[in-house]
Amino acid sequence: MKIAPLLALAAALAAPALAADSDYVKSVEAWRARVEAHLRADNGWLTLAGRYVLKPGANTFGTGAANDVVFPAGLGPGRMGTITVEPGRVAVKLEPGLAMTKDGIPMTDTVMDTSGDVPDWVAMGRASFHVIERDGRYVLRLADNQSPHRAHFGGRVWYPVRERYRVPAKFVAYEPQHHIPIVNIIDEVSDAPSPGYAEFQLDGKTYRLDALGDAGGLFFIFRDATAGKTTYGSGRFLFVEKKPAPGATFMLDLNRAYNPPCAFSKFTTCPLPPKQNVLDARIEAGEKYPPRERG
């Protein structure tokens, strides 16, 4: 999974914290409500039903076993159409008599935007999909908006909001900007730009976290001593909406640490924290794991 789409998602959900204690708690709770609503939305992480690497050239798709890409039963006809992959271009053409919608408009063929920053979804019945480019490969991500996983989801689980986990931090810029190798859960490696690191204290001990991304904010992937116990084992994400000036102090709000998409779906490829972002502290703040489920 690329860092840029994760940054775009984090920025969309971000909001500055307020100064007063009661207002601050309300602001974090409001942010958590937005994060919850985004997760539950159509075509969200809870709806994912498949992840397929497309081969160059023609890829037939549908629920029939003879297709190159076989969707789960119930997510369309036996043969739905063909996805043709060429360098820099992915085109979808449906079988005669079938139609899909894109942005609510019916169509029988389309060229997909594969940048991945804003997913370009097409839908047919309960199934939706988009295609993203990952280091020269094209990957189809399938969603089922009637997914049992979505229906049984009972909600994210959070630690209480505590002021002690909203800490002053110093932003130390890298000059020139670094690149950090980031490994994802299927052992793919990519180089991510790092503008600098945040240095902060917790219980009298100093810690630092390397930030990722080259946009306006700071994006952190970290793991702490709660991982695999009360929080997600692979680590958590944290986003600071506005990148501080080099050497400036800002508030690092660990109450807004949240789980990566892989905590909710097996059809994602989340980045893992770099080794320097694995902390020996117990950060009992932000999102817990596992989420609640309905019976």
C-alpha atoms as a PDB file:
ATOM      1  CA  MET A   1       0.000   0.000   0.000  1.00  0.00           C
ATOM      2  CA  LYS A   2       1.363   3.412  -0.990  1.00  0.00           C
ATOM      3  CA  ILE A   3       1.812   6.131   1.613  1.00  0.00           C
ATOM      4  CA  ALA A   4       0.089   8.867  -0.459  1.00  0.00           C
ATOM      5  CA  PRO A   5      -3.466   7.403  -0.288  1.00  0.00           C
ATOM      6  CA  LEU A   6      -3.059   6.866   3.455  1.00  0.00           C
ATOM      7  CA  LEU A   7      -1.987  10.492   3.838  1.00  0.00           C
ATOM      8  CA  ALA A   8      -4.972  11.662   1.805  1.00  0.00           C
ATOM      9  CA  LEU A   9      -7.336   9.608   3.975  1.00  0.00           C
ATOM     10  CA  ALA A  10      -5.731  10.834   7.195  1.00  0.00           C
ATOM     11  CA  ALA A  11      -5.937  14.456   6.068  1.00  0.00           C
ATOM     12  CA  ALA A  12      -9.617  14.065   5.181  1.00  0.00           C
ATOM     13  CA  LEU A  13     -10.375  12.837   8.684  1.00  0.00           C
ATOM     14  CA  ALA A  14      -8.135  15.275  10.527  1.00  0.00           C
ATOM     15  CA  ALA A  15      -9.248  18.258  12.566  1.00  0.00           C
ATOM     16  CA  PRO A  16      -7.306  20.516  14.923  1.00  0.00           C
ATOM     17  CA  ALA A  17      -7.690  19.894  18.639  1.00  0.00           C
ATOM     18  CA  LEU A  18      -9.185  22.657  20.782  1.00  0.00           C
ATOM     19  CA  ALA A  19      -7.403  24.182  23.760  1.00  0.00           C
ATOM     20  CA  ALA A  20      -9.890  23.804  26.628  1.00  0.00           C
ATOM     21  CA  ASP A  21      -9.923  20.401  28.329  1.00  0.00           C
ATOM     22  CA  SER A  22     -13.628  19.655  27.872  1.00  0.00           C
ATOM     23  CA  ASP A  23     -13.586  20.990  24.321  1.00  0.00           C
ATOM     24  CA  TYR A  24     -10.457  18.966  23.620  1.00  0.00           C
ATOM     25  CA  VAL A  25     -12.116  15.712  24.714  1.00  0.00           C
ATOM     26  CA  LYS A  26     -15.174  16.545  22.608  1.00  0.00           C
ATOM     27  CA  SER A  27     -12.962  17.267  19.603  1.00  0.00           C
ATOM     28  CA  VAL A  28     -11.242  13.870  19.872  1.00  0.00           C
ATOM     29  CA  GLU A  29     -14.572  12.097  20.293  1.00  0.00           C
ATOM     30  CA  ALA A  30     -15.965  13.927  17.241  1.00  0.00           C
ATOM     31  CA  TRP A  31     -12.896  12.895  15.223  1.00  0.00           C
ATOM     32  CA  ARG A  32     -13.370   9.284  16.335  1.00  0.00           C
ATOM     33  CA  ALA A  33     -16.990   9.420  15.195  1.00  0.00           C
ATOM     34  CA  ARG A  34     -15.864  10.575  11.731  1.00  0.00           C
ATOM     35  CA  VAL A  35     -13.291   7.783  11.559  1.00  0.00           C
ATOM     36  CA  GLU A  36     -16.002   5.269  12.481  1.00  0.00           C
ATOM     37  CA  ALA A  37     -18.419   6.613   9.867  1.00  0.00           C
ATOM     38  CA  HIS A  38     -15.744   6.483   7.167  1.00  0.00           C
ATOM     39  CA  LEU A  39     -14.945   2.869   7.995  1.00  0.00           C
ATOM     40  CA  ARG A  40     -18.625   1.888   7.780  1.00  0.00           C
ATOM     41  CA  ALA A  41     -19.233   3.681   4.459  1.00  0.00           C
ATOM     42  CA  ASP A  42     -20.019   2.036   1.118  1.00  0.00           C
ATOM     43  CA  ASN A  43     -16.854   0.635  -0.491  1.00  0.00           C
ATOM     44  CA  GLY A  44     -15.030   1.036   2.817  1.00  0.00           C
ATOM     45  CA  TRP A  45     -12.543  -1.407   4.328  1.00  0.00           C
ATOM     46  CA  LEU A  46     -15.352  -3.496   5.866  1.00  0.00           C
ATOM     47  CA  THR A  47     -16.825  -4.231   2.435  1.00  0.00           C
ATOM     48  CA  LEU A  48     -13.702  -5.605   0.746  1.00  0.00           C
ATOM     49  CA  ALA A  49     -14.223  -9.054  -0.748  1.00  0.00           C
ATOM     50  CA  GLY A  50     -11.158  -9.679  -2.907  1.00  0.00           C
ATOM     51  CA  ARG A  51      -7.787  -8.467  -4.103  1.00  0.00           C
ATOM     52  CA  TYR A  52      -6.533  -9.616  -7.523  1.00  0.00           C
ATOM     53  CA  VAL A  53      -3.272  -8.869  -9.324  1.00  0.00           C
ATOM     54  CA  LEU A  54      -4.080  -8.361 -13.024  1.00  0.00           C
ATOM     55  CA  LYS A  55      -1.847  -9.738 -15.769  1.00  0.00           C
ATOM     56  CA  PRO A  56      -0.802  -7.680 -18.791  1.00  0.00           C
ATOM     57  CA  GLY A  57      -3.324  -7.892 -21.597  1.00  0.00           C
ATOM     58  CA  ALA A  58      -6.862  -9.237 -21.335  1.00  0.00           C
ATOM     59  CA  ASN A  59      -8.273 -10.394 -17.978  1.00  0.00           C
ATOM     60  CA  THR A  60     -11.743 -11.924 -18.078  1.00  0.00           C
ATOM     61  CA  PHE A  61     -13.697 -11.517 -14.854  1.00  0.00           C
ATOM     62  CA  GLY A  62     -16.894 -12.800 -13.245  1.00  0.00           C
ATOM     63  CA  THR A  63     -18.048 -15.479 -10.830  1.00  0.00           C
ATOM     64  CA  GLY A  64     -17.398 -18.374 -13.225  1.00  0.00           C
ATOM     65  CA  ALA A  65     -14.381 -20.581 -12.556  1.00  0.00           C
ATOM     66  CA  ALA A  66     -13.065 -20.202 -16.132  1.00  0.00           C
ATOM     67  CA  ASN A  67     -12.333 -16.480 -15.698  1.00  0.00           C
ATOM     68  CA  ASP A  68      -8.873 -15.041 -15.137  1.00  0.00           C
ATOM     69  CA  VAL A  69     -10.315 -13.142 -12.162  1.00  0.00           C
ATOM     70  CA  VAL A  70     -12.908 -15.144 -10.244  1.00  0.00           C
ATOM     71  CA  PHE A  71     -15.246 -13.137  -8.013  1.00  0.00           C
ATOM     72  CA  PRO A  72     -16.992 -14.806  -5.065  1.00  0.00           C
ATOM     73  CA  ALA A  73     -20.391 -16.374  -5.725  1.00  0.00           C
ATOM     74  CA  GLY A  74     -23.269 -13.925  -5.624  1.00  0.00           C
ATOM     75  CA  LEU A  75     -21.247 -10.949  -6.839  1.00  0.00           C
ATOM     76  CA  GLY A  76     -22.334 -11.015 -10.468  1.00  0.00           C
ATOM     77  CA  PRO A  77     -22.859 -13.203 -13.541  1.00  0.00           C
ATOM     78  CA  GLY A  78     -20.520 -16.004 -14.543  1.00  0.00           C
ATOM     79  CA  ARG A  79     -18.828 -13.805 -17.169  1.00  0.00           C
ATOM     80  CA  MET A  80     -19.039 -10.079 -16.497  1.00  0.00           C
ATOM     81  CA  GLY A  81     -16.503  -8.693 -18.925  1.00  0.00           C
ATOM     82  CA  THR A  82     -12.829  -8.097 -19.704  1.00  0.00           C
ATOM     83  CA  ILE A  83     -10.255  -5.816 -18.146  1.00  0.00           C
ATOM     84  CA  THR A  84      -7.424  -4.986 -20.537  1.00  0.00           C
ATOM     85  CA  VAL A  85      -4.146  -3.888 -18.975  1.00  0.00           C
ATOM     86  CA  GLU A  86      -1.652  -1.883 -21.002  1.00  0.00           C
ATOM     87  CA  PRO A  87       1.213   0.316 -19.753  1.00  0.00           C
ATOM     88  CA  GLY A  88      -0.456   3.343 -18.168  1.00  0.00           C
ATOM     89  CA  ARG A  89      -3.959   2.289 -19.196  1.00  0.00           C
ATOM     90  CA  VAL A  90      -6.600  -0.062 -17.765  1.00  0.00           C
ATOM     91  CA  ALA A  91      -9.869  -0.448 -19.702  1.00  0.00           C
ATOM     92  CA  VAL A  92     -13.032  -2.294 -18.651  1.00  0.00           C
ATOM     93  CA  LYS A  93     -15.522  -3.653 -21.200  1.00  0.00           C
ATOM     94  CA  LEU A  94     -18.616  -5.587 -20.136  1.00  0.00           C
ATOM     95  CA  GLU A  95     -20.300  -8.522 -21.841  1.00  0.00           C
ATOM     96  CA  PRO A  96     -23.235  -7.649 -24.148  1.00  0.00           C
ATOM     97  CA  GLY A  97     -26.423  -6.958 -22.209  1.00  0.00           C
ATOM     98  CA  LEU A  98     -24.642  -5.948 -18.995  1.00  0.00           C
ATOM     99  CA  ALA A  99     -24.130  -2.449 -17.587  1.00  0.00           C
ATOM    100  CA  MET A 100     -22.243  -0.917 -14.688  1.00  0.00           C
ATOM    101  CA  THR A 101     -22.396   2.496 -13.067  1.00  0.00           C
ATOM    102  CA  LYS A 102     -19.595   4.968 -12.492  1.00  0.00           C
ATOM    103  CA  ASP A 103     -20.425   8.054 -10.422  1.00  0.00           C
ATOM    104  CA  GLY A 104     -24.065   7.027 -10.874  1.00  0.00           C
ATOM    105  CA  ILE A 105     -23.851   6.997 -14.681  1.00  0.00           C
ATOM    106  CA  PRO A 106     -24.675   3.711 -16.509  1.00  0.00           C
ATOM    107  CA  MET A 107     -22.039   2.517 -18.974  1.00  0.00           C
ATOM    108  CA  THR A 108     -20.750  -0.604 -20.685  1.00  0.00           C
ATOM    109  CA  ASP A 109     -17.051   0.329 -20.881  1.00  0.00           C
ATOM    110  CA  THR A 110     -14.655   2.755 -19.239  1.00  0.00           C
ATOM    111  CA  VAL A 111     -10.989   3.574 -18.692  1.00  0.00           C
ATOM    112  CA  MET A 112     -10.054   3.400 -15.006  1.00  0.00           C
ATOM    113  CA  ASP A 113      -8.102   6.011 -13.071  1.00  0.00           C
ATOM    114  CA  THR A 114      -5.467   3.869 -11.335  1.00  0.00           C
ATOM    115  CA  SER A 115      -3.618   6.504  -9.307  1.00  0.00           C
ATOM    116  CA  GLY A 116      -5.188   5.228  -6.082  1.00  0.00           C
ATOM    117  CA  ASP A 117      -5.295   8.649  -4.401  1.00  0.00           C
ATOM    118  CA  VAL A 118      -9.082   8.825  -4.888  1.00  0.00           C
ATOM    119  CA  PRO A 119     -10.490   5.361  -5.701  1.00  0.00           C
ATOM    120  CA  ASP A 120     -12.251   5.204  -9.076  1.00  0.00           C
ATOM    121  CA  TRP A 121     -15.095   2.784  -8.328  1.00  0.00           C
ATOM    122  CA  VAL A 122     -17.432   1.097 -10.799  1.00  0.00           C
ATOM    123  CA  ALA A 123     -20.438  -0.892  -9.584  1.00  0.00           C
ATOM    124  CA  MET A 124     -22.683  -3.711 -10.789  1.00  0.00           C
ATOM    125  CA  GLY A 125     -25.367  -4.748  -8.323  1.00  0.00           C
ATOM    126  CA  ARG A 126     -23.885  -5.372  -4.896  1.00  0.00           C
ATOM    127  CA  ALA A 127     -20.342  -5.578  -6.293  1.00  0.00           C
ATOM    128  CA  SER A 128     -17.992  -2.646  -6.813  1.00  0.00           C
ATOM    129  CA  PHE A 129     -14.343  -2.545  -7.797  1.00  0.00           C
ATOM    130  CA  HIS A 130     -11.490  -0.227  -8.587  1.00  0.00           C
ATOM    131  CA  VAL A 131      -7.986  -0.781  -9.969  1.00  0.00           C
ATOM    132  CA  ILE A 132      -4.826   0.658  -8.444  1.00  0.00           C
ATOM    133  CA  GLU A 133      -1.249   0.720  -9.681  1.00  0.00           C
ATOM    134  CA  ARG A 134       1.423  -0.600  -7.325  1.00  0.00           C
ATOM    135  CA  ASP A 135       5.027  -0.352  -8.543  1.00  0.00           C
ATOM    136  CA  GLY A 136       4.083  -1.172 -12.122  1.00  0.00           C
ATOM    137  CA  ARG A 137       1.513  -3.837 -11.227  1.00  0.00           C
ATOM    138  CA  TYR A 138      -2.225  -3.334 -11.458  1.00  0.00           C
ATOM    139  CA  VAL A 139      -4.403  -4.639  -8.637  1.00  0.00           C
ATOM    140  CA  LEU A 140      -8.193  -4.964  -8.648  1.00  0.00           C
ATOM    141  CA  ARG A 141      -9.828  -4.419  -5.263  1.00  0.00           C
ATOM    142  CA  LEU A 142     -13.366  -5.796  -4.996  1.00  0.00           C
ATOM    143  CA  ALA A 143     -16.052  -4.609  -2.571  1.00  0.00           C
ATOM    144  CA  ASP A 144     -19.322  -6.237  -1.520  1.00  0.00           C
ATOM    145  CA  ASN A 145     -21.545  -3.621   0.080  1.00  0.00           C
ATOM    146  CA  GLN A 146     -23.723  -6.398   1.521  1.00  0.00           C
ATOM    147  CA  SER A 147     -20.700  -8.098   3.076  1.00  0.00           C
ATOM    148  CA  PRO A 148     -21.460 -10.125   6.235  1.00  0.00           C
ATOM    149  CA  HIS A 149     -18.234  -8.708   7.673  1.00  0.00           C
ATOM    150  CA  ARG A 150     -19.687  -5.222   7.348  1.00  0.00           C
ATOM    151  CA  ALA A 151     -23.048  -6.309   8.722  1.00  0.00           C
ATOM    152  CA  HIS A 152     -21.489  -7.921  11.807  1.00  0.00           C
ATOM    153  CA  PHE A 153     -19.108  -5.079  12.611  1.00  0.00           C
ATOM    154  CA  GLY A 154     -19.899  -3.743  16.050  1.00  0.00           C
ATOM    155  CA  GLY A 155     -17.594  -0.747  16.201  1.00  0.00           C
ATOM    156  CA  ARG A 156     -14.067   0.418  16.847  1.00  0.00           C
ATOM    157  CA  VAL A 157     -12.793   0.270  20.429  1.00  0.00           C
ATOM    158  CA  TRP A 158     -10.828   3.132  21.984  1.00  0.00           C
ATOM    159  CA  TYR A 159      -8.929   3.957  25.136  1.00  0.00           C
ATOM    160  CA  PRO A 160     -10.448   6.854  27.105  1.00  0.00           C
ATOM    161  CA  VAL A 161      -9.181  10.274  26.042  1.00  0.00           C
ATOM    162  CA  ARG A 162      -6.430  11.318  28.446  1.00  0.00           C
ATOM    163  CA  GLU A 163      -4.510  14.588  28.496  1.00  0.00           C
ATOM    164  CA  ARG A 164      -1.244  12.843  29.444  1.00  0.00           C
ATOM    165  CA  TYR A 165      -1.091  11.366  25.937  1.00  0.00           C
ATOM    166  CA  ARG A 166      -1.330  14.770  24.269  1.00  0.00           C
ATOM    167  CA  VAL A 167       2.322  15.717  24.522  1.00  0.00           C
ATOM    168  CA  PRO A 168       4.563  18.555  23.326  1.00  0.00           C
ATOM    169  CA  ALA A 169       6.891  17.360  20.579  1.00  0.00           C
ATOM    170  CA  LYS A 170       9.716  18.954  18.622  1.00  0.00           C
ATOM    171  CA  PHE A 171       9.858  18.554  14.859  1.00  0.00           C
ATOM    172  CA  VAL A 172      13.394  17.948  13.630  1.00  0.00           C
ATOM    173  CA  ALA A 173      13.639  18.258   9.846  1.00  0.00           C
ATOM    174  CA  TYR A 174      15.956  16.138   7.740  1.00  0.00           C
ATOM    175  CA  GLU A 175      18.149  18.220   5.454  1.00  0.00           C
ATOM    176  CA  PRO A 176      18.070  16.949   2.828  1.00  0.00           C
ATOM    177  CA  GLN A 177      14.874  14.923   3.113  1.00  0.00           C
ATOM    178  CA  HIS A 178      15.462  11.230   3.834  1.00  0.00           C
ATOM    179  CA  HIS A 179      13.897   8.183   2.227  1.00  0.00           C
ATOM    180  CA  ILE A 180      12.994   5.257   4.480  1.00  0.00           C
ATOM    181  CA  PRO A 181      12.409   1.676   3.249  1.00  0.00           C
ATOM    182  CA  ILE A 182       8.903   0.613   4.297  1.00  0.00           C
ATOM    183  CA  VAL A 183       7.889  -3.053   4.256  1.00  0.00           C
ATOM    184  CA  ASN A 184       4.239  -4.066   4.000  1.00  0.00           C
ATOM    185  CA  ILE A 185       2.544  -7.179   5.356  1.00  0.00           C
ATOM    186  CA  ILE A 186       3.299  -9.205   2.201  1.00  0.00           C
ATOM    187  CA  ASP A 187       7.009  -8.264   2.297  1.00  0.00           C
ATOM    188  CA  GLU A 188       6.899  -5.713  -0.513  1.00  0.00           C
ATOM    189  CA  VAL A 189       9.375  -2.878   0.038  1.00  0.00           C
ATOM    190  CA  SER A 190       8.997   0.728  -1.056  1.00  0.00           C
ATOM    191  CA  ASP A 191      10.987   3.874  -0.339  1.00  0.00           C
ATOM    192  CA  ALA A 192       8.927   6.525   1.425  1.00  0.00           C
ATOM    193  CA  PRO A 193      10.041  10.147   1.776  1.00  0.00           C
ATOM    194  CA  SER A 194      10.640  11.293   5.360  1.00  0.00           C
ATOM    195  CA  PRO A 195      10.675  15.028   6.077  1.00  0.00           C
ATOM    196  CA  GLY A 196      11.977  14.568   9.633  1.00  0.00           C
ATOM    197  CA  TYR A 197      11.109  13.171  13.030  1.00  0.00           C
ATOM    198  CA  ALA A 198       9.107  14.098  16.124  1.00  0.00           C
ATOM    199  CA  GLU A 199      10.875  14.007  19.490  1.00  0.00           C
ATOM    200  CA  PHE A 200       8.774  13.875  22.662  1.00  0.00           C
ATOM    201  CA  GLN A 201       8.807  12.744  26.266  1.00  0.00           C
ATOM    202  CA  LEU A 202       6.512  10.283  28.002  1.00  0.00           C
ATOM    203  CA  ASP A 203       6.894   9.406  31.688  1.00  0.00           C
ATOM    204  CA  GLY A 204      10.243  11.158  31.750  1.00  0.00           C
ATOM    205  CA  LYS A 205      11.749   9.217  28.839  1.00  0.00           C
ATOM    206  CA  THR A 206      12.521  10.685  25.416  1.00  0.00           C
ATOM    207  CA  TYR A 207      11.219   9.030  22.255  1.00  0.00           C
ATOM    208  CA  ARG A 208      11.327   9.854  18.558  1.00  0.00           C
ATOM    209  CA  LEU A 209       9.211   8.850  15.588  1.00  0.00           C
ATOM    210  CA  ASP A 210      10.183   9.238  11.945  1.00  0.00           C
ATOM    211  CA  ALA A 211       7.454  10.895   9.893  1.00  0.00           C
ATOM    212  CA  LEU A 212       6.526   9.821   6.365  1.00  0.00           C
ATOM    213  CA  GLY A 213       5.193  11.697   3.367  1.00  0.00           C
ATOM    214  CA  ASP A 214       6.100  14.910   1.630  1.00  0.00           C
ATOM    215  CA  ALA A 215       2.759  16.737   1.818  1.00  0.00           C
ATOM    216  CA  GLY A 216       1.563  19.323   4.327  1.00  0.00           C
ATOM    217  CA  GLY A 217       1.186  17.030   7.362  1.00  0.00           C
ATOM    218  CA  LEU A 218       3.147  14.399   9.266  1.00  0.00           C
ATOM    219  CA  PHE A 219       2.195  10.712   8.993  1.00  0.00           C
ATOM    220  CA  PHE A 220       3.554   8.186  11.482  1.00  0.00           C
ATOM    221  CA  ILE A 221       3.493   4.391  11.503  1.00  0.00           C
ATOM    222  CA  PHE A 222       4.507   3.080  14.923  1.00  0.00           C
ATOM    223  CA  ARG A 223       4.299   0.117  17.242  1.00  0.00           C
ATOM    224  CA  ASP A 224       4.515   0.183  21.027  1.00  0.00           C
ATOM    225  CA  ALA A 225       4.540  -2.297  23.911  1.00  0.00           C
ATOM    226  CA  THR A 226       0.740  -2.695  23.856  1.00  0.00           C
ATOM    227  CA  ALA A 227       0.879  -4.239  20.335  1.00  0.00           C
ATOM    228  CA  GLY A 228      -0.556  -7.756  20.244  1.00  0.00           C
ATOM    229  CA  LYS A 229      -2.028  -7.289  23.715  1.00  0.00           C
ATOM    230  CA  THR A 230      -4.552  -4.456  23.752  1.00  0.00           C
ATOM    231  CA  THR A 231      -3.728  -2.878  20.381  1.00  0.00           C
ATOM    232  CA  TYR A 232      -3.254  -4.138  16.830  1.00  0.00           C
ATOM    233  CA  GLY A 233      -0.162  -6.332  16.612  1.00  0.00           C
ATOM    234  CA  SER A 234       1.372  -4.819  13.475  1.00  0.00           C
ATOM    235  CA  GLY A 235       1.183  -1.254  14.727  1.00  0.00           C
ATOM    236  CA  ARG A 236      -0.929   1.851  14.409  1.00  0.00           C
ATOM    237  CA  PHE A 237      -1.092   5.101  12.416  1.00  0.00           C
ATOM    238  CA  LEU A 238      -1.018   8.709  13.602  1.00  0.00           C
ATOM    239  CA  PHE A 239      -1.468  11.868  11.543  1.00  0.00           C
ATOM    240  CA  VAL A 240      -0.585  15.491  12.330  1.00  0.00           C
ATOM    241  CA  GLU A 241      -2.594  17.748  10.061  1.00  0.00           C
ATOM    242  CA  LYS A 242      -0.102  20.588   9.702  1.00  0.00           C
ATOM    243  CA  LYS A 243       3.628  20.042   9.327  1.00  0.00           C
ATOM    244  CA  PRO A 244       5.446  22.218  11.901  1.00  0.00           C
ATOM    245  CA  ALA A 245       8.345  24.464  10.986  1.00  0.00           C
ATOM    246  CA  PRO A 246      11.783  22.883  11.519  1.00  0.00           C
ATOM    247  CA  GLY A 247      12.665  23.064  15.201  1.00  0.00           C
ATOM    248  CA  ALA A 248       9.129  24.074  16.212  1.00  0.00           C
ATOM    249  CA  THR A 249       7.191  22.514  19.086  1.00  0.00           C
ATOM    250  CA  PHE A 250       3.737  21.123  18.387  1.00  0.00           C
ATOM    251  CA  MET A 251       1.189  18.905  20.157  1.00  0.00           C
ATOM    252  CA  LEU A 252       1.478  15.209  19.313  1.00  0.00           C
ATOM    253  CA  ASP A 253      -1.908  13.696  20.132  1.00  0.00           C
ATOM    254  CA  LEU A 254      -1.507   9.984  20.802  1.00  0.00           C
ATOM    255  CA  ASN A 255      -5.219   9.810  21.649  1.00  0.00           C
ATOM    256  CA  ARG A 256      -5.721   9.901  17.863  1.00  0.00           C
ATOM    257  CA  ALA A 257      -3.615   6.832  17.108  1.00  0.00           C
ATOM    258  CA  TYR A 258      -5.740   4.549  14.919  1.00  0.00           C
ATOM    259  CA  ASN A 259      -5.622   1.098  13.364  1.00  0.00           C
ATOM    260  CA  PRO A 260      -4.485   0.510   9.776  1.00  0.00           C
ATOM    261  CA  PRO A 261      -6.892  -0.971   7.211  1.00  0.00           C
ATOM    262  CA  CYS A 262      -5.403  -4.443   7.745  1.00  0.00           C
ATOM    263  CA  ALA A 263      -6.989  -4.499  11.198  1.00  0.00           C
ATOM    264  CA  PHE A 264     -10.364  -4.646   9.434  1.00  0.00           C
ATOM    265  CA  SER A 265      -9.745  -6.485   6.160  1.00  0.00           C
ATOM    266  CA  LYS A 266      -7.480  -9.238   4.859  1.00  0.00           C
ATOM    267  CA  PHE A 267      -7.659  -7.712   1.374  1.00  0.00           C
ATOM    268  CA  THR A 268      -5.307  -4.798   2.108  1.00  0.00           C
ATOM    269  CA  THR A 269      -1.504  -4.524   2.132  1.00  0.00           C
ATOM    270  CA  CYS A 270      -0.674  -2.173   4.977  1.00  0.00           C
ATOM    271  CA  PRO A 271       2.790  -0.735   5.605  1.00  0.00           C
ATOM    272  CA  LEU A 272       4.614  -1.815   8.757  1.00  0.00           C
ATOM    273  CA  PRO A 273       6.458   0.567  11.068  1.00  0.00           C
ATOM    274  CA  PRO A 274      10.166   1.047  10.378  1.00  0.00           C
ATOM    275  CA  LYS A 275      12.338  -0.398  13.146  1.00  0.00           C
ATOM    276  CA  GLN A 276      13.153   3.051  14.540  1.00  0.00           C
ATOM    277  CA  ASN A 277       9.416   3.602  15.141  1.00  0.00           C
ATOM    278  CA  VAL A 278       9.064   0.544  17.383  1.00  0.00           C
ATOM    279  CA  LEU A 279       8.856   1.974  20.901  1.00  0.00           C
ATOM    280  CA  ASP A 280       9.361   0.208  24.225  1.00  0.00           C
ATOM    281  CA  ALA A 281       6.730   2.458  25.849  1.00  0.00           C
ATOM    282  CA  ARG A 282       3.175   1.332  26.614  1.00  0.00           C
ATOM    283  CA  ILE A 283       1.020   3.894  24.814  1.00  0.00           C
ATOM    284  CA  GLU A 284      -2.399   3.174  26.279  1.00  0.00           C
ATOM    285  CA  ALA A 285      -4.098   5.735  24.074  1.00  0.00           C
ATOM    286  CA  GLY A 286      -5.964   5.761  20.800  1.00  0.00           C
ATOM    287  CA  GLU A 287      -7.538   2.724  19.170  1.00  0.00           C
ATOM    288  CA  LYS A 288      -7.606  -0.739  20.696  1.00  0.00           C
ATOM    289  CA  TYR A 289      -7.939  -4.150  19.047  1.00  0.00           C
ATOM    290  CA  PRO A 290      -9.960  -6.223  18.230  1.00  0.00           C
ATOM    291  CA  PRO A 291     -13.098  -4.263  17.264  1.00  0.00           C
ATOM    292  CA  ARG A 292     -16.520  -5.222  18.544  1.00  0.00           C
ATOM    293  CA  GLU A 293     -18.716  -7.634  16.591  1.00  0.00           C
ATOM    294  CA  ARG A 294     -22.469  -8.091  16.513  1.00  0.00           C
ATOM    295  CA  GLY A 295     -23.840 -11.568  17.158  1.00  0.00           C
END
